[in-house]
C-alpha atoms as a PDB file:
ATOM      1  CA  ALA A   1      28.849 -13.501 -16.134  1.00  0.00           C
ATOM      2  CA  GLY A   2      32.043 -12.417 -17.469  1.00  0.00           C
ATOM      3  CA  ARG A   3      33.600  -9.091 -17.898  1.00  0.00           C
ATOM      4  CA  GLY A   4      32.992  -7.105 -20.992  1.00  0.00           C
ATOM      5  CA  GLY A   5      29.826  -9.132 -21.609  1.00  0.00           C
ATOM      6  CA  ASP A   6      26.562  -7.825 -22.694  1.00  0.00           C
ATOM      7  CA  THR A   7      25.581  -5.164 -20.508  1.00  0.00           C
ATOM      8  CA  ARG A   8      21.921  -4.291 -22.167  1.00  0.00           C
ATOM      9  CA  ARG A   9      18.982  -4.916 -19.822  1.00  0.00           C
ATOM     10  CA  GLU A  10      15.495  -5.954 -21.011  1.00  0.00           C
ATOM     11  CA  PRO A  11      12.681  -3.287 -20.551  1.00  0.00           C
ATOM     12  CA  LEU A  12      10.592  -3.491 -17.828  1.00  0.00           C
ATOM     13  CA  ARG A  13       7.450  -5.408 -18.055  1.00  0.00           C
ATOM     14  CA  GLU A  14       4.238  -5.464 -16.332  1.00  0.00           C
ATOM     15  CA  GLY A  15       4.081  -7.974 -13.359  1.00  0.00           C
ATOM     16  CA  THR A  16       7.945  -7.645 -12.607  1.00  0.00           C
ATOM     17  CA  GLY A  17       9.246  -6.499  -9.323  1.00  0.00           C
ATOM     18  CA  GLU A  18      10.766  -3.162 -10.422  1.00  0.00           C
ATOM     19  CA  LEU A  19       7.309  -1.845 -11.512  1.00  0.00           C
ATOM     20  CA  GLU A  20       5.540  -3.101  -8.281  1.00  0.00           C
ATOM     21  CA  ILE A  21       7.969  -1.581  -6.180  1.00  0.00           C
ATOM     22  CA  GLY A  22       7.765   1.899  -8.080  1.00  0.00           C
ATOM     23  CA  ARG A  23       4.077   1.695  -7.748  1.00  0.00           C
ATOM     24  CA  TRP A  24       3.922   1.267  -4.062  1.00  0.00           C
ATOM     25  CA  LEU A  25       6.664   3.919  -3.756  1.00  0.00           C
ATOM     26  CA  MET A  26       4.482   6.146  -5.416  1.00  0.00           C
ATOM     27  CA  LEU A  27       1.246   5.118  -3.267  1.00  0.00           C
ATOM     28  CA  PHE A  28       3.205   5.632  -0.343  1.00  0.00           C
ATOM     29  CA  GLY A  29       4.330   9.038  -1.249  1.00  0.00           C
ATOM     30  CA  ALA A  30       0.660  10.089  -2.336  1.00  0.00           C
ATOM     31  CA  LEU A  31      -0.192   8.759   0.943  1.00  0.00           C
ATOM     32  CA  LEU A  32       2.101  10.872   2.872  1.00  0.00           C
ATOM     33  CA  LEU A  33       1.416  14.005   0.871  1.00  0.00           C
ATOM     34  CA  ALA A  34      -2.288  13.409   1.288  1.00  0.00           C
ATOM     35  CA  VAL A  35      -1.538  13.049   5.478  1.00  0.00           C
ATOM     36  CA  GLY A  36       0.760  15.929   5.442  1.00  0.00           C
ATOM     37  CA  ALA A  37      -1.891  18.260   3.897  1.00  0.00           C
ATOM     38  CA  LEU A  38      -4.405  16.892   6.060  1.00  0.00           C
ATOM     39  CA  PHE A  39      -2.091  17.856   9.266  1.00  0.00           C
ATOM     40  CA  TYR A  40      -1.332  21.081   7.775  1.00  0.00           C
ATOM     41  CA  LEU A  41      -4.708  22.145   7.033  1.00  0.00           C
ATOM     42  CA  GLY A  42      -6.502  20.268   9.656  1.00  0.00           C
ATOM     43  CA  GLY A  43      -5.206  22.822  12.369  1.00  0.00           C
ATOM     44  CA  ARG A  44      -6.901  25.531  10.785  1.00  0.00           C
ATOM     45  CA  TRP A  45     -10.265  23.953   9.193  1.00  0.00           C
ATOM     46  CA  LEU A  46     -10.966  20.587  10.859  1.00  0.00           C
ATOM     47  CA  HIS A  47      -9.437  21.835  14.205  1.00  0.00           C
ATOM     48  CA  LEU A  48      -7.414  18.416  14.790  1.00  0.00           C
ATOM     49  CA  GLY A  49      -6.322  17.876  18.361  1.00  0.00           C
ATOM     50  CA  ARG A  50      -9.022  20.334  19.494  1.00  0.00           C
ATOM     51  CA  LEU A  51     -11.981  18.194  18.901  1.00  0.00           C
ATOM     52  CA  PRO A  52     -14.612  17.161  21.579  1.00  0.00           C
ATOM     53  CA  GLY A  53     -12.997  13.814  22.509  1.00  0.00           C
ATOM     54  CA  ASP A  54      -9.344  14.967  22.316  1.00  0.00           C
ATOM     55  CA  PHE A  55      -8.233  14.738  26.161  1.00  0.00           C
ATOM     56  CA  VAL A  56      -5.628  16.557  28.240  1.00  0.00           C
ATOM     57  CA  TRP A  57      -4.855  15.691  31.390  1.00  0.00           C
ATOM     58  CA  GLN A  58      -2.599  18.095  33.139  1.00  0.00           C
ATOM     59  CA  HIS A  59      -1.117  17.190  36.704  1.00  0.00           C
ATOM     60  CA  GLY A  60       1.709  19.688  37.855  1.00  0.00           C
ATOM     61  CA  SER A  61       4.471  19.384  35.106  1.00  0.00           C
ATOM     62  CA  PHE A  62       3.045  16.063  33.857  1.00  0.00           C
ATOM     63  CA  THR A  63       0.501  16.508  30.654  1.00  0.00           C
ATOM     64  CA  LEU A  64      -1.079  13.381  29.022  1.00  0.00           C
ATOM     65  CA  TYR A  65      -2.510  14.236  25.519  1.00  0.00           C
ATOM     66  CA  ALA A  66      -4.969  11.683  24.278  1.00  0.00           C
ATOM     67  CA  PRO A  67      -6.341  12.776  20.695  1.00  0.00           C
ATOM     68  CA  LEU A  68      -9.090  10.317  20.634  1.00  0.00           C
ATOM     69  CA  ALA A  69     -11.421  12.193  18.218  1.00  0.00           C
ATOM     70  CA  SER A  70      -8.988  13.096  15.822  1.00  0.00           C
ATOM     71  CA  SER A  71      -7.616   9.810  15.833  1.00  0.00           C
ATOM     72  CA  LEU A  72     -10.836   8.211  14.697  1.00  0.00           C
ATOM     73  CA  LEU A  73     -11.369  10.895  12.233  1.00  0.00           C
ATOM     74  CA  LEU A  74      -7.752  10.492  10.836  1.00  0.00           C
ATOM     75  CA  SER A  75      -8.731   6.437  10.730  1.00  0.00           C
ATOM     76  CA  LEU A  76     -12.207   7.141   9.034  1.00  0.00           C
ATOM     77  CA  LEU A  77     -10.775   9.364   6.483  1.00  0.00           C
ATOM     78  CA  LEU A  78      -7.518   7.287   5.446  1.00  0.00           C
ATOM     79  CA  THR A  79      -9.860   4.214   5.287  1.00  0.00           C
ATOM     80  CA  LEU A  80     -12.011   6.020   2.731  1.00  0.00           C
ATOM     81  CA  LEU A  81      -9.101   7.313   0.698  1.00  0.00           C
ATOM     82  CA  LEU A  82      -7.575   3.974   0.589  1.00  0.00           C
ATOM     83  CA  ASN A  83     -10.650   2.259  -0.185  1.00  0.00           C
ATOM     84  CA  LEU A  84     -11.207   4.772  -3.098  1.00  0.00           C
ATOM     85  CA  PHE A  85      -7.754   4.408  -4.711  1.00  0.00           C
ATOM     86  CA  LEU A  86      -6.917   1.047  -3.999  1.00  0.00           C
ATOM     87  CA  GLY A  87     -10.627  -0.379  -4.418  1.00  0.00           C
ATOM     88  CA  ARG A  88     -11.546  -4.112  -3.958  1.00  0.00           C
ATOM     89  CA  ARG A  89     -10.219  -6.144  -6.528  1.00  0.00           C
END
């Protein structure tokens, strides 16, 4: 590759690495948006963090927070969303 050569690039085609990375980035962005909305609205309507099964132990100045029920609910919702959008191929 010398200087002053042809700098034109071929258009992106289906199955190339650039398109695949772009798709994954868009999927990751949509997933982050969905999780952010879930946390934002979850405190209001889903009561995430205050469900039965979310444990808080306090002993003096030490507090241990274990959101087991909220974690299970988020895991179930994300599993359903990913299966809906990605599907089985």
